Amino acid sequence: MAKKFKINYELVEKLASLQCTQEEIAYVLGCSSKTIQRDKKATKIIKMAKEKGKASLRRMQWKAAERGNASMLIWLGKQYLGQTDKQEIKQETKTELTLSNLLAEIVEENINENGNKNKNKN
């Protein structure tokens, strides 16, 4: 009968709090991920430590923002306040479309076309 692998639960907790996957934890421990998955205590520790690690990371992010880290302030604003980067596209066109302008353009086009036809005939 195979000797039961002894899991180092303290190391499991440290690795899980850093968001390591079960495969990564198993690799560091020197066992298979199946060994980790079968151990109820290890899976419970992993779940708890991952959440604890997320809370720790969030706390560090808030502290960075409180110290005035502009990037973190912007990121947290986007995550929690629905803020977005706004790009304004401004396009100005000044075209007065009046009947007299339109008629003048048509007349000018006709003159140009007729002038080109006369040149081609000579």
N, C-alpha and C. Protein backbone atom coordinates (compact mmCIF):
# COMPACT_ATOMS: atom_id res chain seq x y z
N MET A 1 0.84 -1.18 0.00
CA MET A 1 0.00 0.00 0.00
C MET A 1 0.89 1.25 0.00
N ALA A 2 0.46 2.23 -0.81
CA ALA A 2 1.24 3.46 -0.95
C ALA A 2 1.14 4.31 0.31
N LYS A 3 2.24 4.95 0.62
CA LYS A 3 2.29 5.83 1.79
C LYS A 3 1.51 7.10 1.49
N LYS A 4 0.66 7.55 2.44
CA LYS A 4 -0.16 8.74 2.25
C LYS A 4 0.74 9.98 2.26
N PHE A 5 0.51 10.85 1.28
CA PHE A 5 1.28 12.09 1.17
C PHE A 5 0.85 13.05 2.27
N LYS A 6 1.81 13.66 2.96
CA LYS A 6 1.51 14.61 4.02
C LYS A 6 1.53 16.02 3.42
N ILE A 7 0.39 16.67 3.47
CA ILE A 7 0.25 18.00 2.90
C ILE A 7 0.66 19.06 3.92
N ASN A 8 1.48 20.01 3.48
CA ASN A 8 1.89 21.13 4.31
C ASN A 8 0.82 22.22 4.16
N TYR A 9 -0.14 22.23 5.11
CA TYR A 9 -1.29 23.13 5.01
C TYR A 9 -0.90 24.60 5.13
N GLU A 10 0.12 24.90 5.88
CA GLU A 10 0.59 26.28 6.00
C GLU A 10 1.08 26.80 4.66
N LEU A 11 1.83 25.97 3.93
CA LEU A 11 2.32 26.35 2.61
C LEU A 11 1.16 26.46 1.62
N VAL A 12 0.19 25.56 1.73
CA VAL A 12 -1.00 25.61 0.87
C VAL A 12 -1.70 26.96 1.06
N GLU A 13 -1.85 27.39 2.30
CA GLU A 13 -2.52 28.67 2.59
C GLU A 13 -1.74 29.85 2.00
N LYS A 14 -0.43 29.85 2.17
CA LYS A 14 0.38 30.95 1.63
C LYS A 14 0.27 31.03 0.11
N LEU A 15 0.36 29.89 -0.56
CA LEU A 15 0.30 29.87 -2.01
C LEU A 15 -1.09 30.26 -2.52
N ALA A 16 -2.13 29.77 -1.85
CA ALA A 16 -3.50 30.08 -2.26
C ALA A 16 -3.79 31.57 -2.07
N SER A 17 -3.25 32.17 -1.03
CA SER A 17 -3.49 33.61 -0.80
C SER A 17 -2.84 34.45 -1.89
N LEU A 18 -1.85 33.88 -2.58
CA LEU A 18 -1.22 34.54 -3.73
C LEU A 18 -1.95 34.20 -5.04
N GLN A 19 -3.10 33.52 -4.93
CA GLN A 19 -3.95 33.14 -6.06
C GLN A 19 -3.33 32.06 -6.93
N CYS A 20 -2.47 31.24 -6.36
CA CYS A 20 -1.92 30.10 -7.11
C CYS A 20 -3.04 29.11 -7.40
N THR A 21 -2.95 28.43 -8.54
CA THR A 21 -3.94 27.41 -8.89
C THR A 21 -3.63 26.14 -8.11
N GLN A 22 -4.59 25.21 -8.10
CA GLN A 22 -4.35 23.92 -7.44
C GLN A 22 -3.18 23.18 -8.08
N GLU A 23 -3.05 23.31 -9.38
CA GLU A 23 -1.94 22.65 -10.08
C GLU A 23 -0.61 23.23 -9.63
N GLU A 24 -0.55 24.56 -9.48
CA GLU A 24 0.69 25.21 -9.03
C GLU A 24 1.02 24.83 -7.59
N ILE A 25 0.00 24.78 -6.75
CA ILE A 25 0.21 24.39 -5.35
C ILE A 25 0.72 22.96 -5.29
N ALA A 26 0.10 22.08 -6.06
CA ALA A 26 0.52 20.67 -6.08
C ALA A 26 1.97 20.55 -6.55
N TYR A 27 2.35 21.31 -7.56
CA TYR A 27 3.72 21.27 -8.07
C TYR A 27 4.72 21.66 -6.97
N VAL A 28 4.42 22.75 -6.25
CA VAL A 28 5.32 23.20 -5.19
C VAL A 28 5.39 22.16 -4.07
N LEU A 29 4.26 21.55 -3.76
CA LEU A 29 4.24 20.53 -2.69
C LEU A 29 4.89 19.23 -3.13
N GLY A 30 4.93 18.98 -4.43
CA GLY A 30 5.50 17.73 -4.93
C GLY A 30 4.50 16.59 -4.99
N CYS A 31 3.25 16.94 -5.25
CA CYS A 31 2.22 15.91 -5.37
C CYS A 31 1.35 16.24 -6.58
N SER A 32 0.33 15.43 -6.82
CA SER A 32 -0.56 15.70 -7.94
C SER A 32 -1.69 16.61 -7.49
N SER A 33 -2.33 17.26 -8.44
CA SER A 33 -3.47 18.12 -8.10
C SER A 33 -4.63 17.27 -7.58
N LYS A 34 -4.70 16.02 -7.99
CA LYS A 34 -5.74 15.10 -7.49
C LYS A 34 -5.59 14.90 -5.98
N THR A 35 -4.34 14.83 -5.52
CA THR A 35 -4.09 14.67 -4.08
C THR A 35 -4.65 15.86 -3.32
N ILE A 36 -4.46 17.06 -3.87
CA ILE A 36 -4.98 18.27 -3.25
C ILE A 36 -6.51 18.25 -3.27
N GLN A 37 -7.09 17.89 -4.42
CA GLN A 37 -8.55 17.89 -4.57
C GLN A 37 -9.23 16.89 -3.65
N ARG A 38 -8.58 15.76 -3.36
CA ARG A 38 -9.17 14.74 -2.49
C ARG A 38 -9.11 15.12 -1.02
N ASP A 39 -8.23 16.05 -0.66
CA ASP A 39 -8.05 16.43 0.74
C ASP A 39 -9.01 17.58 1.07
N LYS A 40 -10.06 17.29 1.85
CA LYS A 40 -11.08 18.28 2.16
C LYS A 40 -10.52 19.47 2.92
N LYS A 41 -9.58 19.22 3.80
CA LYS A 41 -8.98 20.31 4.57
C LYS A 41 -8.20 21.25 3.63
N ALA A 42 -7.47 20.67 2.68
CA ALA A 42 -6.69 21.48 1.73
C ALA A 42 -7.61 22.32 0.86
N THR A 43 -8.69 21.73 0.35
CA THR A 43 -9.61 22.49 -0.51
C THR A 43 -10.30 23.61 0.26
N LYS A 44 -10.62 23.35 1.53
CA LYS A 44 -11.24 24.38 2.37
C LYS A 44 -10.24 25.52 2.62
N ILE A 45 -8.98 25.18 2.90
CA ILE A 45 -7.94 26.18 3.13
C ILE A 45 -7.72 27.01 1.86
N ILE A 46 -7.69 26.34 0.72
CA ILE A 46 -7.47 27.04 -0.56
C ILE A 46 -8.58 28.06 -0.80
N LYS A 47 -9.82 27.65 -0.62
CA LYS A 47 -10.96 28.56 -0.85
C LYS A 47 -10.88 29.76 0.08
N MET A 48 -10.64 29.52 1.35
CA MET A 48 -10.57 30.60 2.34
C MET A 48 -9.38 31.52 2.06
N ALA A 49 -8.22 30.94 1.76
CA ALA A 49 -7.01 31.74 1.54
C ALA A 49 -7.10 32.57 0.26
N LYS A 50 -7.73 32.05 -0.78
CA LYS A 50 -7.89 32.83 -2.02
C LYS A 50 -8.74 34.07 -1.75
N GLU A 51 -9.82 33.92 -1.01
CA GLU A 51 -10.67 35.07 -0.68
C GLU A 51 -9.92 36.06 0.21
N LYS A 52 -9.17 35.53 1.16
CA LYS A 52 -8.37 36.39 2.03
C LYS A 52 -7.32 37.15 1.21
N GLY A 53 -6.73 36.50 0.24
CA GLY A 53 -5.75 37.14 -0.64
C GLY A 53 -6.37 38.25 -1.48
N LYS A 54 -7.58 38.02 -1.97
CA LYS A 54 -8.28 39.05 -2.74
C LYS A 54 -8.56 40.27 -1.88
N ALA A 55 -9.01 40.03 -0.64
CA ALA A 55 -9.29 41.13 0.27
C ALA A 55 -8.01 41.91 0.58
N SER A 56 -6.92 41.22 0.73
CA SER A 56 -5.64 41.87 0.99
C SER A 56 -5.21 42.73 -0.19
N LEU A 57 -5.37 42.21 -1.38
CA LEU A 57 -5.02 42.96 -2.59
C LEU A 57 -5.89 44.21 -2.71
N ARG A 58 -7.18 44.05 -2.46
CA ARG A 58 -8.10 45.20 -2.52
C ARG A 58 -7.69 46.25 -1.49
N ARG A 59 -7.32 45.82 -0.29
CA ARG A 59 -6.90 46.74 0.75
C ARG A 59 -5.65 47.52 0.32
N MET A 60 -4.71 46.83 -0.33
CA MET A 60 -3.50 47.51 -0.81
C MET A 60 -3.83 48.50 -1.93
N GLN A 61 -4.77 48.15 -2.78
CA GLN A 61 -5.18 49.06 -3.84
C GLN A 61 -5.81 50.32 -3.26
N TRP A 62 -6.67 50.17 -2.25
CA TRP A 62 -7.29 51.33 -1.62
C TRP A 62 -6.23 52.21 -0.96
N LYS A 63 -5.28 51.57 -0.31
CA LYS A 63 -4.21 52.34 0.35
C LYS A 63 -3.41 53.12 -0.69
N ALA A 64 -3.12 52.50 -1.82
CA ALA A 64 -2.39 53.19 -2.89
C ALA A 64 -3.19 54.39 -3.39
N ALA A 65 -4.49 54.21 -3.54
CA ALA A 65 -5.36 55.30 -3.99
C ALA A 65 -5.39 56.42 -2.94
N GLU A 66 -5.45 56.04 -1.68
CA GLU A 66 -5.47 57.04 -0.61
C GLU A 66 -4.18 57.85 -0.56
N ARG A 67 -3.08 57.23 -0.97
CA ARG A 67 -1.79 57.94 -1.02
C ARG A 67 -1.70 58.83 -2.26
N GLY A 68 -2.73 58.82 -3.10
CA GLY A 68 -2.76 59.70 -4.26
C GLY A 68 -2.26 59.07 -5.54
N ASN A 69 -2.13 57.76 -5.60
CA ASN A 69 -1.71 57.09 -6.83
C ASN A 69 -2.79 57.30 -7.89
N ALA A 70 -2.48 58.16 -8.86
CA ALA A 70 -3.47 58.55 -9.88
C ALA A 70 -3.98 57.36 -10.67
N SER A 71 -3.10 56.46 -11.05
CA SER A 71 -3.53 55.28 -11.83
C SER A 71 -4.52 54.45 -11.05
N MET A 72 -4.24 54.26 -9.75
CA MET A 72 -5.14 53.45 -8.93
C MET A 72 -6.46 54.18 -8.71
N LEU A 73 -6.42 55.49 -8.55
CA LEU A 73 -7.66 56.26 -8.40
C LEU A 73 -8.53 56.12 -9.65
N ILE A 74 -7.93 56.21 -10.81
CA ILE A 74 -8.66 56.07 -12.07
C ILE A 74 -9.24 54.67 -12.20
N TRP A 75 -8.40 53.66 -11.92
CA TRP A 75 -8.85 52.27 -12.06
C TRP A 75 -10.01 51.97 -11.11
N LEU A 76 -9.87 52.39 -9.84
CA LEU A 76 -10.94 52.13 -8.87
C LEU A 76 -12.21 52.89 -9.26
N GLY A 77 -12.05 54.09 -9.78
CA GLY A 77 -13.21 54.85 -10.25
C GLY A 77 -13.96 54.13 -11.35
N LYS A 78 -13.21 53.52 -12.25
CA LYS A 78 -13.84 52.76 -13.34
C LYS A 78 -14.53 51.51 -12.80
N GLN A 79 -13.88 50.83 -11.84
CA GLN A 79 -14.42 49.58 -11.31
C GLN A 79 -15.66 49.78 -10.45
N TYR A 80 -15.62 50.80 -9.58
CA TYR A 80 -16.67 50.93 -8.58
C TYR A 80 -17.64 52.09 -8.83
N LEU A 81 -17.26 53.03 -9.64
CA LEU A 81 -18.11 54.20 -9.85
C LEU A 81 -18.66 54.29 -11.27
N GLY A 82 -18.32 53.33 -12.11
CA GLY A 82 -18.82 53.31 -13.48
C GLY A 82 -18.23 54.41 -14.35
N GLN A 83 -17.09 54.94 -13.93
CA GLN A 83 -16.45 56.00 -14.71
C GLN A 83 -15.78 55.39 -15.94
N THR A 84 -15.73 56.17 -17.02
CA THR A 84 -15.12 55.70 -18.26
C THR A 84 -14.27 56.80 -18.85
N ASP A 85 -13.39 56.42 -19.74
CA ASP A 85 -12.63 57.40 -20.51
C ASP A 85 -13.57 57.93 -21.58
N LYS A 86 -13.68 59.23 -21.65
CA LYS A 86 -14.57 59.83 -22.64
C LYS A 86 -13.73 60.50 -23.71
N GLN A 87 -14.01 60.16 -24.94
CA GLN A 87 -13.32 60.80 -26.06
C GLN A 87 -14.35 61.62 -26.82
N GLU A 88 -14.08 62.90 -26.87
CA GLU A 88 -14.99 63.77 -27.61
C GLU A 88 -14.49 63.91 -29.03
N ILE A 89 -15.38 63.68 -29.95
CA ILE A 89 -15.07 63.85 -31.36
C ILE A 89 -15.89 65.04 -31.83
N LYS A 90 -15.18 66.08 -32.18
CA LYS A 90 -15.85 67.31 -32.59
C LYS A 90 -15.59 67.54 -34.06
N GLN A 91 -16.65 67.69 -34.80
CA GLN A 91 -16.53 67.92 -36.22
C GLN A 91 -17.37 69.14 -36.56
N GLU A 92 -16.71 70.11 -37.14
CA GLU A 92 -17.41 71.32 -37.51
C GLU A 92 -17.48 71.42 -39.02
N THR A 93 -18.67 71.64 -39.49
CA THR A 93 -18.84 71.91 -40.92
C THR A 93 -19.76 73.10 -41.03
N LYS A 94 -19.35 74.01 -41.85
CA LYS A 94 -20.17 75.20 -42.08
C LYS A 94 -20.61 75.18 -43.53
N THR A 95 -21.80 74.73 -43.72
CA THR A 95 -22.36 74.72 -45.07
C THR A 95 -23.75 75.32 -44.99
N GLU A 96 -23.89 76.42 -45.66
CA GLU A 96 -25.21 77.03 -45.74
C GLU A 96 -25.82 76.57 -47.06
N LEU A 97 -26.83 75.79 -46.95
CA LEU A 97 -27.47 75.26 -48.13
C LEU A 97 -28.73 76.09 -48.39
N THR A 98 -28.56 77.04 -49.25
CA THR A 98 -29.72 77.85 -49.64
C THR A 98 -29.99 77.59 -51.11
N LEU A 99 -31.13 77.94 -51.53
CA LEU A 99 -31.51 77.72 -52.92
C LEU A 99 -30.61 78.51 -53.87
N SER A 100 -30.27 79.73 -53.47
CA SER A 100 -29.42 80.54 -54.36
C SER A 100 -28.02 79.94 -54.44
N ASN A 101 -27.49 79.45 -53.34
CA ASN A 101 -26.16 78.81 -53.38
C ASN A 101 -26.18 77.56 -54.25
N LEU A 102 -27.22 76.76 -54.09
CA LEU A 102 -27.35 75.54 -54.87
C LEU A 102 -27.44 75.84 -56.36
N LEU A 103 -28.23 76.83 -56.73
CA LEU A 103 -28.36 77.22 -58.13
C LEU A 103 -27.04 77.74 -58.68
N ALA A 104 -26.31 78.52 -57.86
CA ALA A 104 -25.03 79.06 -58.29
C ALA A 104 -24.04 77.92 -58.56
N GLU A 105 -24.05 76.89 -57.70
CA GLU A 105 -23.15 75.75 -57.91
C GLU A 105 -23.50 75.01 -59.19
N ILE A 106 -24.79 74.82 -59.45
CA ILE A 106 -25.23 74.10 -60.66
C ILE A 106 -24.82 74.88 -61.90
N VAL A 107 -25.03 76.19 -61.89
CA VAL A 107 -24.66 77.04 -63.03
C VAL A 107 -23.16 76.96 -63.25
N GLU A 108 -22.38 77.04 -62.17
CA GLU A 108 -20.92 76.98 -62.29
C GLU A 108 -20.46 75.65 -62.87
N GLU A 109 -21.08 74.56 -62.42
CA GLU A 109 -20.74 73.24 -62.95
C GLU A 109 -21.06 73.16 -64.44
N ASN A 110 -22.19 73.70 -64.85
CA ASN A 110 -22.58 73.69 -66.26
C ASN A 110 -21.60 74.49 -67.10
N ILE A 111 -21.21 75.65 -66.58
CA ILE A 111 -20.26 76.49 -67.31
C ILE A 111 -18.94 75.75 -67.48
N ASN A 112 -18.49 75.11 -66.41
CA ASN A 112 -17.23 74.36 -66.47
C ASN A 112 -17.33 73.20 -67.45
N GLU A 113 -18.44 72.49 -67.40
CA GLU A 113 -18.62 71.36 -68.32
C GLU A 113 -18.68 71.83 -69.77
N ASN A 114 -19.43 72.88 -70.03
CA ASN A 114 -19.54 73.42 -71.39
C ASN A 114 -18.21 73.98 -71.87
N GLY A 115 -17.49 74.63 -70.98
CA GLY A 115 -16.18 75.16 -71.34
C GLY A 115 -15.22 74.05 -71.71
N ASN A 116 -15.28 72.94 -71.01
CA ASN A 116 -14.41 71.80 -71.31
C ASN A 116 -14.81 71.14 -72.62
N LYS A 117 -16.11 71.10 -72.90
CA LYS A 117 -16.57 70.50 -74.16
C LYS A 117 -16.11 71.35 -75.34
N ASN A 118 -16.20 72.66 -75.21
CA ASN A 118 -15.76 73.58 -76.28
C ASN A 118 -14.26 73.46 -76.53
N LYS A 119 -13.50 73.30 -75.47
CA LYS A 119 -12.04 73.16 -75.62
C LYS A 119 -11.71 71.87 -76.34
N ASN A 120 -12.45 70.81 -76.02
CA ASN A 120 -12.19 69.52 -76.65
C ASN A 120 -12.53 69.52 -78.15
N LYS A 121 -13.49 70.38 -78.56
CA LYS A 121 -13.88 70.43 -79.96
C LYS A 121 -12.82 71.13 -80.78
N ASN A 122 -12.10 72.07 -80.19
CA ASN A 122 -11.08 72.83 -80.95
C ASN A 122 -9.87 72.04 -81.12
